[in-house]
Amino acid sequence: MVFAFSGQEALDLLNDTIPPDVVYVFSDINMPGMSGLDLLDTIKKNYPNIKVSMISAYGDQENYEKAIKSGAKEFFTKPIDFNTLKKEILNIINS
């Protein structure tokens, strides 16, 4: 598990190894610099096999639709249900 504090830091981590050692990205929509939705678009363009889930404090339909349309596997709202997140991660690991 690796943590990045911005979208650019996440991309830098993904670019450290080719192909990336990452199988799952869990990203907030609101971050410093680029948005999580921009990060999602970049990841899906450059690394289509990496699964991405988004989280937001706002469960608005617009962000949900943008995330899912852009390839997000799941969309979580805060406060997060950690049991649901755990199931999501286990499904990815076991697939």
C-alpha atoms as a PDB file:
ATOM      1  CA  MET A   1       0.000   0.000   0.000  1.00  0.00           C
ATOM      2  CA  VAL A   2       1.350   3.388  -1.022  1.00  0.00           C
ATOM      3  CA  PHE A   3      -0.068   6.835  -0.302  1.00  0.00           C
ATOM      4  CA  ALA A   4       0.081   9.911  -2.519  1.00  0.00           C
ATOM      5  CA  PHE A   5      -1.008  13.338  -1.384  1.00  0.00           C
ATOM      6  CA  SER A   6      -1.813  14.757  -4.817  1.00  0.00           C
ATOM      7  CA  GLY A   7      -2.780  13.553  -8.261  1.00  0.00           C
ATOM      8  CA  GLN A   8       0.662  14.377  -9.631  1.00  0.00           C
ATOM      9  CA  GLU A   9       2.363  12.430  -6.842  1.00  0.00           C
ATOM     10  CA  ALA A  10       0.115   9.460  -7.667  1.00  0.00           C
ATOM     11  CA  LEU A  11       1.095   9.655 -11.347  1.00  0.00           C
ATOM     12  CA  ASP A  12       4.771   9.903 -10.408  1.00  0.00           C
ATOM     13  CA  LEU A  13       4.410   6.729  -8.325  1.00  0.00           C
ATOM     14  CA  LEU A  14       2.682   4.948 -11.207  1.00  0.00           C
ATOM     15  CA  ASN A  15       5.456   5.993 -13.584  1.00  0.00           C
ATOM     16  CA  ASP A  16       8.232   4.720 -11.260  1.00  0.00           C
ATOM     17  CA  THR A  17       7.998   1.184 -12.670  1.00  0.00           C
ATOM     18  CA  ILE A  18       6.877   0.047 -16.106  1.00  0.00           C
ATOM     19  CA  PRO A  19       4.459  -1.596 -15.896  1.00  0.00           C
ATOM     20  CA  PRO A  20       3.318  -0.121 -12.571  1.00  0.00           C
ATOM     21  CA  ASP A  21       3.244  -2.381  -9.520  1.00  0.00           C
ATOM     22  CA  VAL A  22      -0.144  -0.862  -8.705  1.00  0.00           C
ATOM     23  CA  VAL A  23      -3.373  -2.797  -9.205  1.00  0.00           C
ATOM     24  CA  TYR A  24      -5.837  -0.447  -7.463  1.00  0.00           C
ATOM     25  CA  VAL A  25      -6.105   3.297  -6.920  1.00  0.00           C
ATOM     26  CA  PHE A  26      -8.501   4.774  -4.378  1.00  0.00           C
ATOM     27  CA  SER A  27      -8.733   8.514  -5.006  1.00  0.00           C
ATOM     28  CA  ASP A  28     -10.608  11.452  -3.557  1.00  0.00           C
ATOM     29  CA  ILE A  29     -12.286  13.693  -6.111  1.00  0.00           C
ATOM     30  CA  ASN A  30     -11.045  16.864  -4.376  1.00  0.00           C
ATOM     31  CA  MET A  31      -7.255  17.018  -4.113  1.00  0.00           C
ATOM     32  CA  PRO A  32      -4.514  19.613  -4.406  1.00  0.00           C
ATOM     33  CA  GLY A  33      -3.611  20.326  -8.028  1.00  0.00           C
ATOM     34  CA  MET A  34      -5.489  18.080 -10.428  1.00  0.00           C
ATOM     35  CA  SER A  35      -8.871  16.720  -9.456  1.00  0.00           C
ATOM     36  CA  GLY A  36      -9.462  13.056  -8.805  1.00  0.00           C
ATOM     37  CA  LEU A  37     -11.565  12.930 -11.955  1.00  0.00           C
ATOM     38  CA  ASP A  38      -8.600  14.232 -13.981  1.00  0.00           C
ATOM     39  CA  LEU A  39      -6.388  11.634 -12.315  1.00  0.00           C
ATOM     40  CA  LEU A  40      -8.937   8.938 -13.172  1.00  0.00           C
ATOM     41  CA  ASP A  41      -8.949   9.988 -16.842  1.00  0.00           C
ATOM     42  CA  THR A  42      -5.137   9.904 -16.995  1.00  0.00           C
ATOM     43  CA  ILE A  43      -4.874   6.526 -15.289  1.00  0.00           C
ATOM     44  CA  LYS A  44      -7.501   4.922 -17.521  1.00  0.00           C
ATOM     45  CA  LYS A  45      -5.809   6.368 -20.624  1.00  0.00           C
ATOM     46  CA  ASN A  46      -2.289   5.270 -19.695  1.00  0.00           C
ATOM     47  CA  TYR A  47      -2.963   2.207 -17.522  1.00  0.00           C
ATOM     48  CA  PRO A  48      -6.362   0.764 -18.489  1.00  0.00           C
ATOM     49  CA  ASN A  49      -5.868  -2.374 -16.386  1.00  0.00           C
ATOM     50  CA  ILE A  50      -5.529  -0.491 -13.117  1.00  0.00           C
ATOM     51  CA  LYS A  51      -8.802  -0.452 -11.191  1.00  0.00           C
ATOM     52  CA  VAL A  52      -9.813   2.935  -9.785  1.00  0.00           C
ATOM     53  CA  SER A  53     -12.457   3.803  -7.216  1.00  0.00           C
ATOM     54  CA  MET A  54     -13.395   7.335  -6.258  1.00  0.00           C
ATOM     55  CA  ILE A  55     -14.471   8.900  -2.973  1.00  0.00           C
ATOM     56  CA  SER A  56     -16.189  12.211  -2.347  1.00  0.00           C
ATOM     57  CA  ALA A  57     -17.697  14.065   0.555  1.00  0.00           C
ATOM     58  CA  TYR A  58     -20.498  14.954  -1.816  1.00  0.00           C
ATOM     59  CA  GLY A  59     -22.594  12.120  -3.166  1.00  0.00           C
ATOM     60  CA  ASP A  60     -23.888  14.247  -6.009  1.00  0.00           C
ATOM     61  CA  GLN A  61     -25.126  12.584  -9.164  1.00  0.00           C
ATOM     62  CA  GLU A  62     -22.916  14.663 -11.467  1.00  0.00           C
ATOM     63  CA  ASN A  63     -19.627  13.487  -9.911  1.00  0.00           C
ATOM     64  CA  TYR A  64     -20.936   9.930  -9.700  1.00  0.00           C
ATOM     65  CA  GLU A  65     -21.849   9.883 -13.390  1.00  0.00           C
ATOM     66  CA  LYS A  66     -18.541  11.457 -14.456  1.00  0.00           C
ATOM     67  CA  ALA A  67     -16.558   8.941 -12.407  1.00  0.00           C
ATOM     68  CA  ILE A  68     -18.416   5.875 -13.633  1.00  0.00           C
ATOM     69  CA  LYS A  69     -18.431   7.092 -17.248  1.00  0.00           C
ATOM     70  CA  SER A  70     -14.663   7.669 -17.018  1.00  0.00           C
ATOM     71  CA  GLY A  71     -14.067   4.109 -15.866  1.00  0.00           C
ATOM     72  CA  ALA A  72     -14.242   4.173 -12.070  1.00  0.00           C
ATOM     73  CA  LYS A  73     -15.006   0.754 -10.676  1.00  0.00           C
ATOM     74  CA  GLU A  74     -16.835   2.146  -7.642  1.00  0.00           C
ATOM     75  CA  PHE A  75     -17.873   5.473  -6.129  1.00  0.00           C
ATOM     76  CA  PHE A  76     -17.853   5.903  -2.349  1.00  0.00           C
ATOM     77  CA  THR A  77     -19.148   8.785  -0.269  1.00  0.00           C
ATOM     78  CA  LYS A  78     -17.798  10.025   3.046  1.00  0.00           C
ATOM     79  CA  PRO A  79     -18.004   8.881   5.714  1.00  0.00           C
ATOM     80  CA  ILE A  80     -16.761   5.706   4.131  1.00  0.00           C
ATOM     81  CA  ASP A  81     -18.178   2.306   4.962  1.00  0.00           C
ATOM     82  CA  PHE A  82     -14.947   0.410   5.557  1.00  0.00           C
ATOM     83  CA  ASN A  83     -16.645  -2.985   5.263  1.00  0.00           C
ATOM     84  CA  THR A  84     -17.748  -2.104   1.717  1.00  0.00           C
ATOM     85  CA  LEU A  85     -14.258  -0.846   0.861  1.00  0.00           C
ATOM     86  CA  LYS A  86     -12.716  -4.026   2.265  1.00  0.00           C
ATOM     87  CA  LYS A  87     -15.033  -6.138   0.095  1.00  0.00           C
ATOM     88  CA  GLU A  88     -14.083  -4.034  -2.957  1.00  0.00           C
ATOM     89  CA  ILE A  89     -10.369  -4.563  -2.322  1.00  0.00           C
ATOM     90  CA  LEU A  90     -10.788  -8.295  -1.690  1.00  0.00           C
ATOM     91  CA  ASN A  91     -12.745  -8.649  -4.942  1.00  0.00           C
ATOM     92  CA  ILE A  92      -9.923  -6.967  -6.857  1.00  0.00           C
ATOM     93  CA  ILE A  93      -7.240  -9.069  -5.211  1.00  0.00           C
ATOM     94  CA  ASN A  94      -9.126 -12.288  -5.855  1.00  0.00           C
ATOM     95  CA  SER A  95     -10.039 -11.541  -9.477  1.00  0.00           C
END
